[in-house]
N, C-alpha and C. Protein backbone atom coordinates (compact mmCIF):
# COMPACT_ATOMS: atom_id res chain seq x y z
N GLN A 1 77.46 129.42 31.63
CA GLN A 1 77.33 130.14 32.83
C GLN A 1 76.11 129.73 33.19
N VAL A 2 75.64 129.36 34.34
CA VAL A 2 74.44 129.23 35.18
C VAL A 2 74.37 130.05 36.22
N GLN A 3 74.06 130.66 36.24
CA GLN A 3 73.07 131.54 37.51
C GLN A 3 71.90 130.76 38.30
N LEU A 4 72.36 130.99 39.62
CA LEU A 4 71.25 130.80 40.79
C LEU A 4 71.18 131.84 41.51
N VAL A 5 69.97 132.20 41.64
CA VAL A 5 68.92 133.44 42.57
C VAL A 5 67.77 132.53 43.70
N GLU A 6 68.65 132.70 44.96
CA GLU A 6 67.86 132.70 46.06
C GLU A 6 67.18 133.16 46.57
N SER A 7 65.73 133.07 47.46
CA SER A 7 65.06 133.60 47.30
C SER A 7 64.52 132.88 49.00
N GLY A 8 63.57 134.22 49.78
CA GLY A 8 63.50 133.35 50.91
C GLY A 8 63.49 133.47 51.97
N GLY A 9 64.53 134.09 52.44
CA GLY A 9 65.84 134.09 53.51
C GLY A 9 64.81 134.93 54.40
N GLY A 10 65.42 135.35 56.01
CA GLY A 10 64.31 136.60 56.59
C GLY A 10 64.59 136.29 57.89
N LEU A 11 63.77 136.34 58.63
CA LEU A 11 64.27 136.30 60.35
C LEU A 11 62.89 135.33 60.56
N VAL A 12 62.90 134.72 61.34
CA VAL A 12 62.00 133.14 62.12
C VAL A 12 62.00 133.29 63.25
N GLN A 13 61.20 133.43 64.23
CA GLN A 13 61.58 132.75 65.70
C GLN A 13 62.31 131.39 65.58
N ALA A 14 62.41 130.75 67.11
CA ALA A 14 63.07 129.52 67.24
C ALA A 14 62.03 128.16 66.78
N GLY A 15 62.25 127.20 66.54
CA GLY A 15 61.00 126.56 66.46
C GLY A 15 60.29 127.06 64.88
N GLY A 16 60.44 128.10 64.04
CA GLY A 16 59.43 128.00 63.52
C GLY A 16 60.23 127.75 62.61
N SER A 17 59.44 127.86 60.99
CA SER A 17 59.92 127.29 59.03
C SER A 17 60.47 128.15 58.41
N LEU A 18 60.73 128.02 57.66
CA LEU A 18 61.15 129.24 56.43
C LEU A 18 61.35 128.36 55.41
N THR A 19 61.57 128.02 54.31
CA THR A 19 60.81 127.77 53.23
C THR A 19 61.78 128.67 52.46
N LEU A 20 63.10 128.10 51.06
CA LEU A 20 64.40 128.63 50.23
C LEU A 20 64.15 128.14 48.85
N SER A 21 63.89 129.32 48.50
CA SER A 21 63.58 128.66 47.11
C SER A 21 65.88 128.88 46.08
N CYS A 22 65.65 128.29 44.99
CA CYS A 22 66.64 129.00 44.06
C CYS A 22 66.49 128.51 42.56
N ALA A 23 66.53 129.62 42.09
CA ALA A 23 66.22 129.39 40.19
C ALA A 23 67.15 128.86 39.87
N ALA A 24 67.46 128.12 38.91
CA ALA A 24 68.43 128.48 38.17
C ALA A 24 68.36 128.35 36.49
N SER A 25 69.40 129.19 36.01
CA SER A 25 69.18 129.90 34.69
C SER A 25 69.48 129.00 33.33
N THR A 26 69.36 127.71 33.17
CA THR A 26 70.03 126.24 32.71
C THR A 26 68.81 125.79 31.82
N ARG A 27 68.94 124.81 30.75
CA ARG A 27 67.86 124.59 30.26
C ARG A 27 68.01 123.01 30.31
N THR A 28 69.07 122.41 30.85
CA THR A 28 69.54 121.07 31.36
C THR A 28 69.47 120.89 32.89
N PHE A 29 68.35 121.69 33.45
CA PHE A 29 69.00 121.90 34.99
C PHE A 29 68.61 120.49 35.72
N SER A 30 67.53 119.04 35.26
CA SER A 30 67.63 118.12 35.61
C SER A 30 68.85 117.50 35.82
N SER A 31 69.26 117.81 34.94
CA SER A 31 71.18 117.09 35.45
C SER A 31 72.40 117.55 36.07
N TYR A 32 71.82 118.48 36.57
CA TYR A 32 72.44 119.25 37.63
C TYR A 32 72.22 118.30 39.10
N ALA A 33 73.27 118.15 39.73
CA ALA A 33 73.73 118.11 41.36
C ALA A 33 72.68 119.67 41.93
N MET A 34 72.49 119.08 42.96
CA MET A 34 71.61 120.88 43.40
C MET A 34 72.09 120.50 45.10
N GLY A 35 72.44 122.13 45.58
CA GLY A 35 72.33 121.62 46.82
C GLY A 35 72.32 123.03 47.90
N TRP A 36 72.11 122.87 48.92
CA TRP A 36 72.33 124.15 49.68
C TRP A 36 73.64 124.14 50.48
N TYR A 37 73.84 125.18 50.98
CA TYR A 37 75.28 124.74 52.05
C TYR A 37 74.58 126.33 52.72
N ARG A 38 75.14 126.19 54.35
CA ARG A 38 75.36 127.23 54.86
C ARG A 38 76.85 127.76 55.46
N GLN A 39 77.05 129.30 55.84
CA GLN A 39 77.88 129.90 56.53
C GLN A 39 77.51 130.74 57.69
N ALA A 40 78.38 130.46 58.39
CA ALA A 40 77.75 131.39 59.73
C ALA A 40 79.32 132.50 60.11
N PRO A 41 78.57 133.23 61.04
CA PRO A 41 79.90 134.84 60.71
C PRO A 41 81.15 133.30 61.57
N GLY A 42 82.34 134.03 60.84
CA GLY A 42 83.36 132.66 62.02
C GLY A 42 84.05 131.82 60.86
N LYS A 43 82.58 130.82 60.58
CA LYS A 43 82.63 129.94 60.63
C LYS A 43 82.96 129.12 59.50
N GLN A 44 83.43 127.85 58.83
CA GLN A 44 83.74 127.93 57.00
C GLN A 44 82.57 127.45 56.80
N ARG A 45 82.00 127.19 55.50
CA ARG A 45 80.54 126.77 54.63
C ARG A 45 80.70 125.30 54.62
N GLU A 46 79.24 125.24 55.18
CA GLU A 46 79.35 123.70 55.26
C GLU A 46 78.16 123.23 54.30
N MET A 47 77.78 122.16 54.00
CA MET A 47 77.04 121.53 53.39
C MET A 47 75.98 121.05 53.75
N VAL A 48 74.46 121.35 53.57
CA VAL A 48 73.51 121.39 54.37
C VAL A 48 72.47 120.13 53.74
N ALA A 49 71.85 120.40 52.77
CA ALA A 49 71.51 119.10 52.23
C ALA A 49 71.68 119.27 50.39
N VAL A 50 71.65 118.15 49.50
CA VAL A 50 72.07 117.45 48.54
C VAL A 50 71.23 116.85 48.13
N ILE A 51 70.60 117.16 46.66
CA ILE A 51 69.97 116.04 45.95
C ILE A 51 70.38 116.23 43.51
N GLU A 52 70.28 114.93 44.65
CA GLU A 52 71.01 114.22 42.97
C GLU A 52 71.06 113.03 42.19
N SER A 53 70.96 112.74 41.14
CA SER A 53 70.20 111.15 40.43
C SER A 53 70.26 109.87 41.79
N GLY A 54 70.90 110.18 42.72
CA GLY A 54 71.34 109.09 43.38
C GLY A 54 70.70 109.30 44.93
N GLY A 55 70.18 110.11 45.09
CA GLY A 55 68.52 110.71 45.52
C GLY A 55 69.28 111.65 46.95
N ARG A 56 69.16 111.89 48.34
CA ARG A 56 69.09 113.29 48.71
C ARG A 56 70.41 113.09 50.30
N ASN A 57 70.90 114.18 50.79
CA ASN A 57 72.22 113.65 51.72
C ASN A 57 71.93 114.85 52.74
N TYR A 58 71.81 114.68 53.62
CA TYR A 58 71.90 115.84 54.46
C TYR A 58 72.87 116.36 55.61
N ALA A 59 72.80 116.99 56.47
CA ALA A 59 74.25 116.34 57.27
C ALA A 59 72.96 116.58 58.68
N ASP A 60 74.21 115.92 59.36
CA ASP A 60 73.52 115.53 60.71
C ASP A 60 72.63 116.36 61.55
N SER A 61 73.33 117.63 61.27
CA SER A 61 73.06 118.70 62.73
C SER A 61 71.46 119.58 62.17
N VAL A 62 70.95 119.02 60.73
CA VAL A 62 69.62 119.39 60.56
C VAL A 62 68.73 118.00 59.38
N LYS A 63 68.83 117.02 59.54
CA LYS A 63 68.08 115.72 59.50
C LYS A 63 67.07 115.32 60.08
N GLY A 64 65.59 115.37 59.56
CA GLY A 64 64.31 115.16 60.32
C GLY A 64 63.83 116.50 60.39
N ARG A 65 64.37 118.04 59.96
CA ARG A 65 64.45 118.84 60.73
C ARG A 65 63.79 119.79 58.75
N PHE A 66 65.24 119.84 58.19
CA PHE A 66 64.81 120.10 56.55
C PHE A 66 64.84 118.87 55.70
N THR A 67 64.40 119.55 54.53
CA THR A 67 63.71 118.92 53.19
C THR A 67 63.66 119.35 52.11
N ILE A 68 65.09 119.28 51.05
CA ILE A 68 65.37 119.16 50.11
C ILE A 68 64.77 118.91 49.03
N SER A 69 63.95 119.35 48.11
CA SER A 69 63.57 119.23 46.85
C SER A 69 63.91 119.78 45.33
N ARG A 70 63.05 119.38 44.71
CA ARG A 70 63.54 120.22 43.11
C ARG A 70 62.50 119.79 42.32
N ASP A 71 61.94 120.78 41.29
CA ASP A 71 60.79 121.33 40.63
C ASP A 71 61.52 121.31 39.04
N ASN A 72 62.10 120.62 38.49
CA ASN A 72 62.90 120.27 37.43
C ASN A 72 61.81 121.33 36.28
N ALA A 73 60.20 121.10 36.81
CA ALA A 73 60.06 121.87 35.10
C ALA A 73 59.39 123.43 35.44
N LYS A 74 60.28 123.48 36.96
CA LYS A 74 60.81 125.14 37.15
C LYS A 74 62.28 125.49 37.24
N ASN A 75 63.35 124.56 36.88
CA ASN A 75 64.33 124.62 37.48
C ASN A 75 64.51 125.65 38.40
N THR A 76 64.07 125.01 39.84
CA THR A 76 63.73 125.73 41.31
C THR A 76 64.42 123.82 41.87
N VAL A 77 65.19 124.74 42.66
CA VAL A 77 65.50 123.84 43.91
C VAL A 77 64.99 124.78 45.35
N TYR A 78 64.49 123.69 46.17
CA TYR A 78 64.10 124.36 47.84
C TYR A 78 64.83 123.45 48.71
N LEU A 79 64.24 124.51 49.98
CA LEU A 79 64.95 123.31 51.15
C LEU A 79 63.99 124.06 52.25
N GLN A 80 63.18 122.47 52.12
CA GLN A 80 62.23 124.01 53.42
C GLN A 80 62.67 123.52 54.77
N MET A 81 63.01 123.91 55.81
CA MET A 81 63.20 124.06 57.54
C MET A 81 62.02 124.61 58.22
N ASN A 82 62.33 123.29 59.06
CA ASN A 82 61.50 123.37 60.41
C ASN A 82 61.86 123.45 61.48
N SER A 83 61.63 123.38 62.59
CA SER A 83 62.08 123.54 63.39
C SER A 83 63.50 124.41 64.14
N LEU A 84 63.10 125.51 63.11
CA LEU A 84 64.87 126.35 63.34
C LEU A 84 64.92 126.33 64.81
N LYS A 85 66.37 127.00 64.77
CA LYS A 85 66.92 126.35 65.87
C LYS A 85 67.98 127.87 65.73
N PRO A 86 68.38 128.57 66.67
CA PRO A 86 69.37 129.76 66.49
C PRO A 86 70.45 129.54 66.05
N GLU A 87 70.75 127.92 65.88
CA GLU A 87 72.63 127.20 65.13
C GLU A 87 72.55 127.34 63.99
N ASP A 88 70.74 127.42 63.03
CA ASP A 88 70.52 127.58 61.83
C ASP A 88 70.97 128.60 60.95
N ALA A 89 70.55 129.77 62.10
CA ALA A 89 70.83 131.32 61.67
C ALA A 89 72.51 131.02 60.72
N ALA A 90 72.71 131.52 59.28
CA ALA A 90 73.88 131.55 58.29
C ALA A 90 72.97 132.34 57.00
N VAL A 91 73.91 132.64 56.46
CA VAL A 91 73.71 133.41 55.00
C VAL A 91 73.77 131.62 54.12
N TYR A 92 72.51 131.48 53.17
CA TYR A 92 72.33 130.00 52.82
C TYR A 92 72.20 129.98 51.53
N TYR A 93 73.55 129.24 51.06
CA TYR A 93 74.05 129.46 49.19
C TYR A 93 73.47 128.38 48.51
N CYS A 94 72.81 128.59 47.56
CA CYS A 94 73.30 127.81 46.38
C CYS A 94 73.68 127.17 45.63
N MET A 95 73.60 126.18 45.51
CA MET A 95 75.05 125.24 44.70
C MET A 95 74.75 124.46 43.29
N GLY A 96 74.60 124.51 42.31
CA GLY A 96 74.81 123.30 41.32
C GLY A 96 75.89 123.12 40.59
N GLN A 97 76.36 121.93 40.50
CA GLN A 97 77.10 121.87 40.08
C GLN A 97 76.64 120.06 38.75
N LYS A 98 77.35 120.16 37.61
CA LYS A 98 77.26 118.90 36.55
C LYS A 98 78.45 118.49 36.15
N TYR A 99 79.34 119.45 35.81
CA TYR A 99 80.75 118.92 35.69
C TYR A 99 81.69 119.74 35.64
N GLY A 100 82.23 119.44 36.81
CA GLY A 100 83.80 120.49 37.40
C GLY A 100 82.93 121.03 38.49
N SER A 101 83.90 122.68 38.59
CA SER A 101 83.66 123.39 39.34
C SER A 101 81.89 124.12 40.11
N PRO A 102 81.48 123.17 41.32
CA PRO A 102 80.37 123.90 40.72
C PRO A 102 80.01 125.77 40.54
N TYR A 103 78.83 125.79 40.36
CA TYR A 103 78.28 127.00 40.90
C TYR A 103 77.56 128.14 41.98
N TRP A 104 77.50 128.89 42.02
CA TRP A 104 77.23 129.72 43.77
C TRP A 104 76.14 130.22 43.15
N GLY A 105 75.09 130.23 44.53
CA GLY A 105 74.45 131.66 44.29
C GLY A 105 75.08 132.88 45.04
N GLN A 106 74.45 134.31 45.36
CA GLN A 106 74.29 135.00 46.08
C GLN A 106 74.34 134.63 47.61
N GLY A 107 73.09 134.22 47.76
CA GLY A 107 73.72 133.79 49.50
C GLY A 107 71.99 134.70 49.84
N THR A 108 71.41 133.84 50.84
CA THR A 108 70.29 134.44 51.52
C THR A 108 70.45 134.42 53.05
N GLN A 109 70.19 135.71 53.23
CA GLN A 109 70.26 135.32 55.28
C GLN A 109 69.49 134.82 55.91
N VAL A 110 69.43 134.31 56.63
CA VAL A 110 68.28 133.24 57.33
C VAL A 110 69.43 133.65 58.89
N TYR A 111 67.88 134.41 59.16
CA TYR A 111 67.85 134.93 60.83
C TYR A 111 66.63 133.80 61.76
N VAL A 112 67.56 133.83 63.60
CA VAL A 112 66.41 133.13 63.62
C VAL A 112 66.70 133.03 64.75
N SER A 113 65.66 134.00 66.08
CA SER A 113 65.63 134.89 67.18
C SER A 113 65.52 133.92 68.46
N SER A 114 66.41 133.58 69.56
CA SER A 114 65.68 132.84 70.41
C SER A 114 64.45 133.20 71.31
């Protein structure tokens, strides 16, 4: 069982920046595909960014504004969010997957004021 703990959410003004962190409790973190997903009220959970051995993938809506990165020495994945928009407001979930079903964090709330 892998535990994922997100942090860094909060309230930011439109145009501002925020960095989310997700710490994973596994010794084989480097072999996991890691990602960030988000869910806004009344909407389905959607992929924001994923980082794995093959590279990085981003949702079209965040390309050029968000950057996913990882520090394998710290078992941590980050999401740098710049130029935030009100539509970026959601609960952001960290995801980790090696084999089979992915693991999920508890989520961290991001609010963006216009």
